N, C-alpha and C. Protein backbone atom coordinates (compact mmCIF):
# COMPACT_ATOMS: atom_id res chain seq x y z
N MET A 1 48.69 -3.97 27.09
CA MET A 1 47.47 -4.74 27.07
C MET A 1 46.29 -3.86 26.65
N ILE A 2 46.25 -2.67 27.21
CA ILE A 2 45.15 -1.76 26.90
C ILE A 2 45.23 -1.32 25.44
N THR A 3 46.42 -1.10 24.93
CA THR A 3 46.56 -0.67 23.55
C THR A 3 46.14 -1.77 22.57
N LYS A 4 46.40 -3.05 22.93
CA LYS A 4 45.96 -4.14 22.06
C LYS A 4 44.44 -4.19 21.99
N GLU A 5 43.78 -3.99 23.13
CA GLU A 5 42.31 -3.99 23.15
C GLU A 5 41.76 -2.84 22.32
N LYS A 6 42.37 -1.67 22.44
CA LYS A 6 41.92 -0.53 21.65
C LYS A 6 42.12 -0.78 20.17
N ASN A 7 43.26 -1.37 19.82
CA ASN A 7 43.51 -1.69 18.41
C ASN A 7 42.49 -2.69 17.87
N LEU A 8 42.15 -3.70 18.70
CA LEU A 8 41.16 -4.68 18.28
C LEU A 8 39.78 -4.03 18.10
N GLU A 9 39.44 -3.14 18.99
CA GLU A 9 38.16 -2.42 18.88
C GLU A 9 38.14 -1.55 17.64
N GLU A 10 39.25 -0.86 17.36
CA GLU A 10 39.32 -0.02 16.17
C GLU A 10 39.22 -0.86 14.90
N GLU A 11 39.87 -2.02 14.89
CA GLU A 11 39.79 -2.91 13.73
C GLU A 11 38.35 -3.40 13.53
N ASP A 12 37.68 -3.74 14.64
CA ASP A 12 36.29 -4.19 14.54
C ASP A 12 35.40 -3.07 14.00
N SER A 13 35.61 -1.86 14.49
CA SER A 13 34.78 -0.77 14.01
C SER A 13 35.08 -0.45 12.55
N GLU A 14 36.34 -0.56 12.13
CA GLU A 14 36.69 -0.35 10.74
C GLU A 14 36.06 -1.42 9.85
N GLU A 15 36.05 -2.66 10.33
CA GLU A 15 35.41 -3.75 9.58
C GLU A 15 33.91 -3.51 9.45
N ASP A 16 33.30 -3.03 10.53
CA ASP A 16 31.87 -2.72 10.47
C ASP A 16 31.58 -1.61 9.47
N ILE A 17 32.42 -0.60 9.46
CA ILE A 17 32.25 0.50 8.51
C ILE A 17 32.41 0.00 7.08
N LEU A 18 33.42 -0.85 6.85
CA LEU A 18 33.62 -1.41 5.51
C LEU A 18 32.44 -2.29 5.09
N GLU A 19 31.91 -3.08 6.01
CA GLU A 19 30.74 -3.91 5.70
C GLU A 19 29.54 -3.04 5.36
N GLU A 20 29.37 -1.96 6.10
CA GLU A 20 28.25 -1.05 5.84
C GLU A 20 28.39 -0.40 4.47
N LYS A 21 29.59 0.04 4.13
CA LYS A 21 29.81 0.63 2.80
C LYS A 21 29.59 -0.40 1.70
N ASN A 22 30.05 -1.63 1.96
CA ASN A 22 29.87 -2.70 0.99
C ASN A 22 28.38 -2.98 0.78
N PHE A 23 27.61 -2.99 1.85
CA PHE A 23 26.17 -3.21 1.75
C PHE A 23 25.51 -2.07 0.98
N GLN A 24 25.91 -0.85 1.25
CA GLN A 24 25.34 0.30 0.55
C GLN A 24 25.67 0.24 -0.94
N GLU A 25 26.87 -0.18 -1.29
CA GLU A 25 27.23 -0.32 -2.70
C GLU A 25 26.40 -1.41 -3.37
N LYS A 26 26.23 -2.53 -2.68
CA LYS A 26 25.42 -3.62 -3.24
C LYS A 26 23.98 -3.15 -3.45
N PHE A 27 23.44 -2.44 -2.48
CA PHE A 27 22.07 -1.95 -2.60
C PHE A 27 21.95 -0.94 -3.74
N LYS A 28 22.93 -0.08 -3.87
CA LYS A 28 22.94 0.91 -4.96
C LYS A 28 22.99 0.21 -6.31
N ASN A 29 23.84 -0.80 -6.45
CA ASN A 29 23.91 -1.57 -7.69
C ASN A 29 22.60 -2.29 -7.97
N PHE A 30 22.00 -2.86 -6.93
CA PHE A 30 20.72 -3.54 -7.09
C PHE A 30 19.66 -2.58 -7.60
N MET A 31 19.59 -1.38 -7.04
CA MET A 31 18.58 -0.41 -7.47
C MET A 31 18.84 0.07 -8.89
N GLU A 32 20.10 0.21 -9.28
CA GLU A 32 20.40 0.59 -10.67
C GLU A 32 19.96 -0.50 -11.63
N ASN A 33 20.23 -1.75 -11.28
CA ASN A 33 19.78 -2.87 -12.13
C ASN A 33 18.26 -2.95 -12.17
N TYR A 34 17.62 -2.68 -11.04
CA TYR A 34 16.16 -2.72 -11.00
C TYR A 34 15.57 -1.64 -11.91
N ARG A 35 16.12 -0.45 -11.87
CA ARG A 35 15.61 0.63 -12.72
C ARG A 35 15.79 0.30 -14.21
N LYS A 36 16.86 -0.40 -14.54
CA LYS A 36 17.08 -0.78 -15.93
C LYS A 36 16.15 -1.93 -16.35
N ASN A 37 15.88 -2.85 -15.44
CA ASN A 37 15.15 -4.07 -15.78
C ASN A 37 13.79 -4.16 -15.08
N TRP A 38 13.13 -3.05 -14.87
CA TRP A 38 11.86 -3.06 -14.13
C TRP A 38 10.78 -3.86 -14.85
N VAL A 39 10.85 -3.93 -16.16
CA VAL A 39 9.84 -4.69 -16.91
C VAL A 39 9.92 -6.17 -16.54
N TRP A 40 11.14 -6.71 -16.49
CA TRP A 40 11.29 -8.12 -16.18
C TRP A 40 10.92 -8.42 -14.73
N VAL A 41 11.24 -7.51 -13.84
CA VAL A 41 10.85 -7.69 -12.44
C VAL A 41 9.34 -7.67 -12.32
N SER A 42 8.67 -6.76 -13.03
CA SER A 42 7.21 -6.68 -12.99
C SER A 42 6.57 -7.93 -13.59
N ILE A 43 7.11 -8.40 -14.70
CA ILE A 43 6.57 -9.62 -15.31
C ILE A 43 6.72 -10.80 -14.35
N GLY A 44 7.85 -10.88 -13.70
CA GLY A 44 8.05 -11.96 -12.71
C GLY A 44 7.09 -11.84 -11.54
N GLY A 45 6.88 -10.62 -11.05
CA GLY A 45 5.94 -10.43 -9.94
C GLY A 45 4.51 -10.77 -10.33
N ILE A 46 4.13 -10.36 -11.52
CA ILE A 46 2.77 -10.65 -11.99
C ILE A 46 2.58 -12.15 -12.18
N THR A 47 3.58 -12.80 -12.76
CA THR A 47 3.50 -14.24 -12.97
C THR A 47 3.40 -14.99 -11.65
N MET A 48 4.23 -14.63 -10.70
CA MET A 48 4.21 -15.30 -9.40
C MET A 48 2.89 -15.05 -8.66
N SER A 49 2.39 -13.82 -8.73
CA SER A 49 1.12 -13.54 -8.06
C SER A 49 -0.02 -14.30 -8.72
N THR A 50 0.01 -14.45 -10.04
CA THR A 50 -1.03 -15.21 -10.74
C THR A 50 -0.98 -16.67 -10.34
N PHE A 51 0.22 -17.25 -10.32
CA PHE A 51 0.33 -18.65 -9.88
C PHE A 51 -0.17 -18.81 -8.44
N PHE A 52 0.22 -17.88 -7.58
CA PHE A 52 -0.19 -17.96 -6.19
C PHE A 52 -1.71 -17.83 -6.05
N LEU A 53 -2.31 -16.90 -6.77
CA LEU A 53 -3.77 -16.73 -6.72
C LEU A 53 -4.51 -17.99 -7.15
N TRP A 54 -4.07 -18.57 -8.24
CA TRP A 54 -4.75 -19.77 -8.71
C TRP A 54 -4.46 -20.97 -7.83
N TYR A 55 -3.30 -20.99 -7.20
CA TYR A 55 -3.01 -22.05 -6.24
C TYR A 55 -3.96 -21.96 -5.05
N ILE A 56 -4.14 -20.76 -4.49
CA ILE A 56 -5.03 -20.66 -3.34
C ILE A 56 -6.49 -20.81 -3.75
N TYR A 57 -6.79 -20.62 -5.05
CA TYR A 57 -8.14 -20.95 -5.52
C TYR A 57 -8.33 -22.46 -5.54
N PHE A 58 -7.32 -23.19 -6.05
CA PHE A 58 -7.45 -24.64 -6.17
C PHE A 58 -7.45 -25.34 -4.82
N ILE A 59 -6.84 -24.76 -3.80
CA ILE A 59 -6.94 -25.37 -2.48
C ILE A 59 -8.12 -24.79 -1.69
N ASP A 60 -8.97 -24.06 -2.41
CA ASP A 60 -10.28 -23.62 -1.91
C ASP A 60 -10.19 -22.60 -0.76
N ILE A 61 -9.29 -21.63 -0.92
CA ILE A 61 -9.23 -20.55 0.06
C ILE A 61 -10.01 -19.34 -0.44
N ILE A 62 -9.89 -19.03 -1.74
CA ILE A 62 -10.64 -17.91 -2.30
C ILE A 62 -11.60 -18.44 -3.37
N SER A 63 -12.56 -17.63 -3.72
CA SER A 63 -13.54 -18.03 -4.73
C SER A 63 -12.99 -17.79 -6.13
N LEU A 64 -13.70 -18.34 -7.11
CA LEU A 64 -13.31 -18.18 -8.51
C LEU A 64 -13.37 -16.71 -8.92
N LEU A 65 -14.40 -16.01 -8.45
CA LEU A 65 -14.55 -14.59 -8.78
C LEU A 65 -13.35 -13.78 -8.29
N ASN A 66 -12.94 -14.02 -7.05
CA ASN A 66 -11.78 -13.30 -6.52
C ASN A 66 -10.51 -13.63 -7.29
N ALA A 67 -10.32 -14.88 -7.64
CA ALA A 67 -9.13 -15.26 -8.40
C ALA A 67 -9.09 -14.55 -9.74
N ILE A 68 -10.23 -14.50 -10.43
CA ILE A 68 -10.27 -13.83 -11.73
C ILE A 68 -10.05 -12.33 -11.58
N LEU A 69 -10.72 -11.72 -10.60
CA LEU A 69 -10.58 -10.27 -10.42
C LEU A 69 -9.15 -9.87 -10.07
N PHE A 70 -8.53 -10.59 -9.14
CA PHE A 70 -7.16 -10.24 -8.77
C PHE A 70 -6.18 -10.53 -9.90
N THR A 71 -6.46 -11.56 -10.70
CA THR A 71 -5.61 -11.85 -11.85
C THR A 71 -5.65 -10.71 -12.85
N ILE A 72 -6.79 -10.08 -13.00
CA ILE A 72 -6.93 -8.96 -13.94
C ILE A 72 -6.43 -7.66 -13.34
N PHE A 73 -6.79 -7.37 -12.08
CA PHE A 73 -6.51 -6.06 -11.52
C PHE A 73 -5.07 -5.86 -11.07
N PHE A 74 -4.35 -6.91 -10.69
CA PHE A 74 -2.96 -6.72 -10.27
C PHE A 74 -2.08 -6.23 -11.41
N PRO A 75 -2.13 -6.83 -12.62
CA PRO A 75 -1.32 -6.26 -13.72
C PRO A 75 -1.75 -4.85 -14.10
N LEU A 76 -3.05 -4.55 -14.03
CA LEU A 76 -3.49 -3.19 -14.33
C LEU A 76 -2.95 -2.20 -13.31
N THR A 77 -2.89 -2.60 -12.06
CA THR A 77 -2.34 -1.73 -11.02
C THR A 77 -0.86 -1.47 -11.27
N VAL A 78 -0.11 -2.51 -11.59
CA VAL A 78 1.32 -2.34 -11.87
C VAL A 78 1.51 -1.41 -13.06
N PHE A 79 0.72 -1.60 -14.11
CA PHE A 79 0.80 -0.72 -15.28
C PHE A 79 0.48 0.72 -14.90
N PHE A 80 -0.56 0.93 -14.09
CA PHE A 80 -0.95 2.28 -13.69
C PHE A 80 0.15 2.96 -12.88
N VAL A 81 0.79 2.22 -11.99
CA VAL A 81 1.85 2.81 -11.16
C VAL A 81 3.02 3.25 -12.04
N TYR A 82 3.43 2.42 -12.99
CA TYR A 82 4.54 2.81 -13.85
C TYR A 82 4.14 3.92 -14.81
N TYR A 83 2.90 3.92 -15.25
CA TYR A 83 2.44 5.02 -16.09
C TYR A 83 2.42 6.33 -15.29
N ALA A 84 2.00 6.25 -14.03
CA ALA A 84 1.94 7.45 -13.19
C ALA A 84 3.33 8.04 -12.96
N ARG A 85 4.34 7.20 -12.92
CA ARG A 85 5.70 7.70 -12.71
C ARG A 85 6.22 8.47 -13.91
N LYS A 86 5.83 8.09 -15.10
CA LYS A 86 6.38 8.68 -16.32
C LYS A 86 5.41 9.62 -17.03
N SER A 87 4.24 9.83 -16.48
CA SER A 87 3.21 10.60 -17.16
C SER A 87 3.46 12.10 -17.05
N LYS A 88 2.97 12.83 -18.04
CA LYS A 88 3.03 14.29 -17.95
C LYS A 88 1.86 14.81 -17.11
N HIS A 89 0.94 13.95 -16.73
CA HIS A 89 -0.19 14.32 -15.87
C HIS A 89 0.06 13.88 -14.42
N LYS A 90 1.31 13.92 -14.01
CA LYS A 90 1.69 13.43 -12.68
C LYS A 90 0.97 14.19 -11.56
N PHE A 91 0.79 15.48 -11.74
CA PHE A 91 0.13 16.30 -10.73
C PHE A 91 -1.30 15.83 -10.49
N LEU A 92 -2.05 15.62 -11.57
CA LEU A 92 -3.43 15.15 -11.45
C LEU A 92 -3.48 13.73 -10.89
N LEU A 93 -2.57 12.86 -11.31
CA LEU A 93 -2.55 11.50 -10.81
C LEU A 93 -2.20 11.45 -9.33
N ASN A 94 -1.33 12.35 -8.88
CA ASN A 94 -1.03 12.41 -7.45
C ASN A 94 -2.25 12.79 -6.64
N LYS A 95 -3.04 13.73 -7.16
CA LYS A 95 -4.28 14.10 -6.47
C LYS A 95 -5.24 12.91 -6.40
N ILE A 96 -5.39 12.21 -7.51
CA ILE A 96 -6.29 11.06 -7.54
C ILE A 96 -5.81 9.98 -6.58
N MET A 97 -4.51 9.70 -6.58
CA MET A 97 -3.98 8.67 -5.70
C MET A 97 -4.15 9.05 -4.23
N LEU A 98 -3.84 10.29 -3.90
CA LEU A 98 -3.90 10.70 -2.51
C LEU A 98 -5.33 10.76 -2.01
N ILE A 99 -6.19 11.45 -2.71
CA ILE A 99 -7.55 11.63 -2.23
C ILE A 99 -8.40 10.38 -2.51
N GLY A 100 -8.32 9.87 -3.72
CA GLY A 100 -9.18 8.76 -4.09
C GLY A 100 -8.78 7.44 -3.47
N CYS A 101 -7.58 6.99 -3.79
CA CYS A 101 -7.17 5.65 -3.37
C CYS A 101 -6.81 5.58 -1.89
N PHE A 102 -5.95 6.47 -1.43
CA PHE A 102 -5.58 6.44 -0.02
C PHE A 102 -6.77 6.78 0.86
N GLY A 103 -7.59 7.72 0.40
CA GLY A 103 -8.79 8.07 1.16
C GLY A 103 -9.74 6.90 1.30
N TYR A 104 -9.90 6.15 0.22
CA TYR A 104 -10.78 4.99 0.25
C TYR A 104 -10.20 3.92 1.18
N GLY A 105 -8.89 3.71 1.11
CA GLY A 105 -8.26 2.72 1.98
C GLY A 105 -8.40 3.05 3.45
N ILE A 106 -8.22 4.29 3.80
CA ILE A 106 -8.38 4.71 5.19
C ILE A 106 -9.84 4.63 5.60
N THR A 107 -10.74 4.99 4.68
CA THR A 107 -12.16 4.97 4.98
C THR A 107 -12.66 3.57 5.31
N ILE A 108 -12.17 2.58 4.59
CA ILE A 108 -12.63 1.21 4.82
C ILE A 108 -12.39 0.79 6.26
N PHE A 109 -11.20 1.05 6.79
CA PHE A 109 -10.90 0.65 8.16
C PHE A 109 -11.78 1.40 9.16
N LYS A 110 -11.93 2.69 8.98
CA LYS A 110 -12.77 3.46 9.90
C LYS A 110 -14.23 3.04 9.78
N TRP A 111 -14.66 2.76 8.55
CA TRP A 111 -16.04 2.39 8.31
C TRP A 111 -16.36 1.04 8.95
N LEU A 112 -15.46 0.06 8.78
CA LEU A 112 -15.69 -1.25 9.39
C LEU A 112 -15.74 -1.15 10.90
N PHE A 113 -14.85 -0.36 11.47
CA PHE A 113 -14.82 -0.18 12.92
C PHE A 113 -16.11 0.48 13.41
N ALA A 114 -16.54 1.55 12.74
CA ALA A 114 -17.76 2.26 13.16
C ALA A 114 -18.99 1.39 12.96
N CYS A 115 -19.06 0.65 11.87
CA CYS A 115 -20.22 -0.22 11.64
C CYS A 115 -20.31 -1.32 12.68
N TYR A 116 -19.18 -1.88 13.04
CA TYR A 116 -19.20 -2.94 14.04
C TYR A 116 -19.66 -2.39 15.39
N ILE A 117 -19.12 -1.24 15.77
CA ILE A 117 -19.47 -0.68 17.08
C ILE A 117 -20.93 -0.22 17.13
N LEU A 118 -21.43 0.38 16.05
CA LEU A 118 -22.77 0.95 16.09
C LEU A 118 -23.88 -0.02 15.67
N ILE A 119 -23.57 -0.96 14.78
CA ILE A 119 -24.65 -1.73 14.18
C ILE A 119 -24.54 -3.24 14.39
N TYR A 120 -23.38 -3.85 14.11
CA TYR A 120 -23.30 -5.30 14.02
C TYR A 120 -22.90 -6.04 15.28
N ALA A 121 -22.29 -5.40 16.23
CA ALA A 121 -21.92 -6.09 17.47
C ALA A 121 -23.18 -6.43 18.26
N PRO A 122 -23.20 -7.55 18.94
CA PRO A 122 -24.40 -7.91 19.71
C PRO A 122 -24.76 -6.88 20.79
N TRP A 123 -23.80 -6.16 21.27
CA TRP A 123 -24.05 -5.14 22.29
C TRP A 123 -24.20 -3.74 21.69
N ALA A 124 -24.21 -3.63 20.35
CA ALA A 124 -24.31 -2.34 19.67
C ALA A 124 -25.66 -1.69 19.93
N PRO A 125 -25.72 -0.36 19.95
CA PRO A 125 -26.98 0.32 20.26
C PRO A 125 -28.08 0.09 19.23
N PHE A 126 -27.72 -0.15 17.96
CA PHE A 126 -28.73 -0.33 16.92
C PHE A 126 -28.88 -1.78 16.45
N TYR A 127 -28.34 -2.72 17.21
CA TYR A 127 -28.33 -4.12 16.77
C TYR A 127 -29.73 -4.68 16.60
N GLU A 128 -30.59 -4.52 17.58
CA GLU A 128 -31.94 -5.11 17.52
C GLU A 128 -32.98 -4.14 16.99
N LYS A 129 -32.66 -2.85 16.93
CA LYS A 129 -33.66 -1.85 16.57
C LYS A 129 -33.82 -1.67 15.06
N LEU A 130 -32.86 -2.10 14.28
CA LEU A 130 -32.89 -1.84 12.84
C LEU A 130 -33.19 -3.11 12.04
N SER A 131 -33.94 -2.92 10.96
CA SER A 131 -34.14 -4.04 10.04
C SER A 131 -32.91 -4.14 9.13
N GLU A 132 -32.88 -5.18 8.30
CA GLU A 132 -31.73 -5.38 7.42
C GLU A 132 -31.61 -4.26 6.39
N ILE A 133 -32.72 -3.79 5.87
CA ILE A 133 -32.70 -2.70 4.88
C ILE A 133 -32.21 -1.41 5.53
N SER A 134 -32.68 -1.13 6.72
CA SER A 134 -32.24 0.07 7.43
C SER A 134 -30.74 0.03 7.71
N ARG A 135 -30.24 -1.15 8.08
CA ARG A 135 -28.80 -1.28 8.32
C ARG A 135 -28.01 -0.98 7.05
N SER A 136 -28.47 -1.51 5.93
CA SER A 136 -27.76 -1.29 4.67
C SER A 136 -27.73 0.19 4.30
N VAL A 137 -28.85 0.86 4.48
CA VAL A 137 -28.91 2.29 4.16
C VAL A 137 -28.00 3.09 5.09
N ILE A 138 -28.04 2.78 6.36
CA ILE A 138 -27.20 3.49 7.33
C ILE A 138 -25.72 3.24 7.04
N ILE A 139 -25.38 2.02 6.66
CA ILE A 139 -23.98 1.71 6.36
C ILE A 139 -23.50 2.53 5.16
N LEU A 140 -24.32 2.63 4.12
CA LEU A 140 -23.93 3.42 2.95
C LEU A 140 -23.80 4.90 3.29
N ILE A 141 -24.72 5.42 4.08
CA ILE A 141 -24.63 6.83 4.50
C ILE A 141 -23.39 7.06 5.36
N LEU A 142 -23.14 6.12 6.26
CA LEU A 142 -21.97 6.24 7.14
C LEU A 142 -20.68 6.18 6.33
N MET A 143 -20.62 5.31 5.33
CA MET A 143 -19.41 5.24 4.50
C MET A 143 -19.22 6.53 3.72
N GLY A 144 -20.28 7.08 3.16
CA GLY A 144 -20.16 8.34 2.43
C GLY A 144 -19.68 9.47 3.32
N ALA A 145 -20.23 9.54 4.53
CA ALA A 145 -19.83 10.61 5.45
C ALA A 145 -18.37 10.46 5.87
N ILE A 146 -17.96 9.25 6.20
CA ILE A 146 -16.57 9.04 6.62
C ILE A 146 -15.62 9.32 5.46
N TYR A 147 -15.99 8.89 4.24
CA TYR A 147 -15.13 9.15 3.08
C TYR A 147 -15.01 10.65 2.83
N GLY A 148 -16.10 11.38 2.98
CA GLY A 148 -16.04 12.83 2.80
C GLY A 148 -15.08 13.49 3.77
N ILE A 149 -15.13 13.07 5.02
CA ILE A 149 -14.24 13.63 6.05
C ILE A 149 -12.79 13.28 5.74
N VAL A 150 -12.52 12.02 5.43
CA VAL A 150 -11.15 11.59 5.14
C VAL A 150 -10.63 12.26 3.87
N ALA A 151 -11.48 12.38 2.85
CA ALA A 151 -11.05 13.03 1.60
C ALA A 151 -10.69 14.50 1.85
N TYR A 152 -11.47 15.18 2.67
CA TYR A 152 -11.16 16.57 2.98
C TYR A 152 -9.83 16.68 3.73
N ILE A 153 -9.60 15.80 4.70
CA ILE A 153 -8.34 15.82 5.45
C ILE A 153 -7.16 15.55 4.52
N LEU A 154 -7.31 14.57 3.63
CA LEU A 154 -6.22 14.27 2.70
C LEU A 154 -6.03 15.37 1.67
N TYR A 155 -7.11 16.04 1.28
CA TYR A 155 -6.98 17.18 0.37
C TYR A 155 -6.16 18.29 1.02
N ARG A 156 -6.45 18.58 2.27
CA ARG A 156 -5.68 19.62 2.98
C ARG A 156 -4.22 19.19 3.15
N PHE A 157 -4.01 17.91 3.45
CA PHE A 157 -2.66 17.38 3.59
C PHE A 157 -1.90 17.49 2.26
N GLY A 158 -2.53 17.10 1.16
CA GLY A 158 -1.90 17.17 -0.16
C GLY A 158 -1.60 18.59 -0.57
N LYS A 159 -2.51 19.49 -0.29
CA LYS A 159 -2.30 20.90 -0.64
C LYS A 159 -1.12 21.47 0.14
N LYS A 160 -0.98 21.07 1.40
CA LYS A 160 0.11 21.54 2.24
C LYS A 160 1.46 21.03 1.72
N ARG A 161 1.49 19.79 1.21
CA ARG A 161 2.73 19.20 0.71
C ARG A 161 2.92 19.40 -0.79
N GLU A 162 2.08 20.22 -1.41
CA GLU A 162 2.14 20.51 -2.84
C GLU A 162 1.96 19.24 -3.68
N TRP A 163 1.17 18.32 -3.21
CA TRP A 163 0.77 17.09 -3.91
C TRP A 163 1.93 16.16 -4.21
N LYS A 164 2.97 16.22 -3.42
CA LYS A 164 4.08 15.29 -3.56
C LYS A 164 3.88 14.20 -2.51
N ILE A 165 3.39 13.05 -2.96
CA ILE A 165 2.98 12.02 -2.01
C ILE A 165 4.05 11.00 -1.71
N GLY A 166 5.14 10.99 -2.40
CA GLY A 166 6.17 10.04 -2.04
C GLY A 166 7.26 9.95 -3.07
N PRO A 167 8.39 9.38 -2.69
CA PRO A 167 9.51 9.30 -3.61
C PRO A 167 9.30 8.26 -4.71
N PHE A 168 8.35 7.34 -4.53
CA PHE A 168 8.15 6.31 -5.54
C PHE A 168 7.71 6.88 -6.86
N TYR A 169 6.95 7.96 -6.84
CA TYR A 169 6.43 8.54 -8.07
C TYR A 169 7.43 9.47 -8.75
N TYR A 170 8.55 9.72 -8.12
CA TYR A 170 9.52 10.64 -8.70
C TYR A 170 10.83 9.95 -9.02
N GLY A 171 10.83 8.61 -8.99
CA GLY A 171 12.07 7.87 -9.17
C GLY A 171 12.53 7.71 -10.51
């Protein structure tokens, strides 16, 4: 009885191993096909995102300006990413991506959090003391300062990793 249970457990584990290998093979084949046909995948993604953007414009979720901007900038972003992968200026592009783009993305979240706590919340220390012009100037100064700090941290991080920011750019 015990040997039958052990045999059943071994068969189950062998089936799991075979399923895992089968999944890995399917994923490997999928990635090989993707690398060969990345143009068609990108065209499909751009087309679907364009339809989706204009759909949410027509049901009045985003404005016309946002729909036009995203329709233009999404294909440019896809083109830039593929150009960055194959460019001979990969080192410089990695620096720009790490410090410029990632730094800006991180800065936005920290900046919004700091502005809300210091200026815009009803309980904020500068809520009633500042005029609208003063708030705008302080927000711009605060964003510049936070971006400078984040850019320096990311510069040190990139220098430590020799500007290799991820496997996507080396694929």
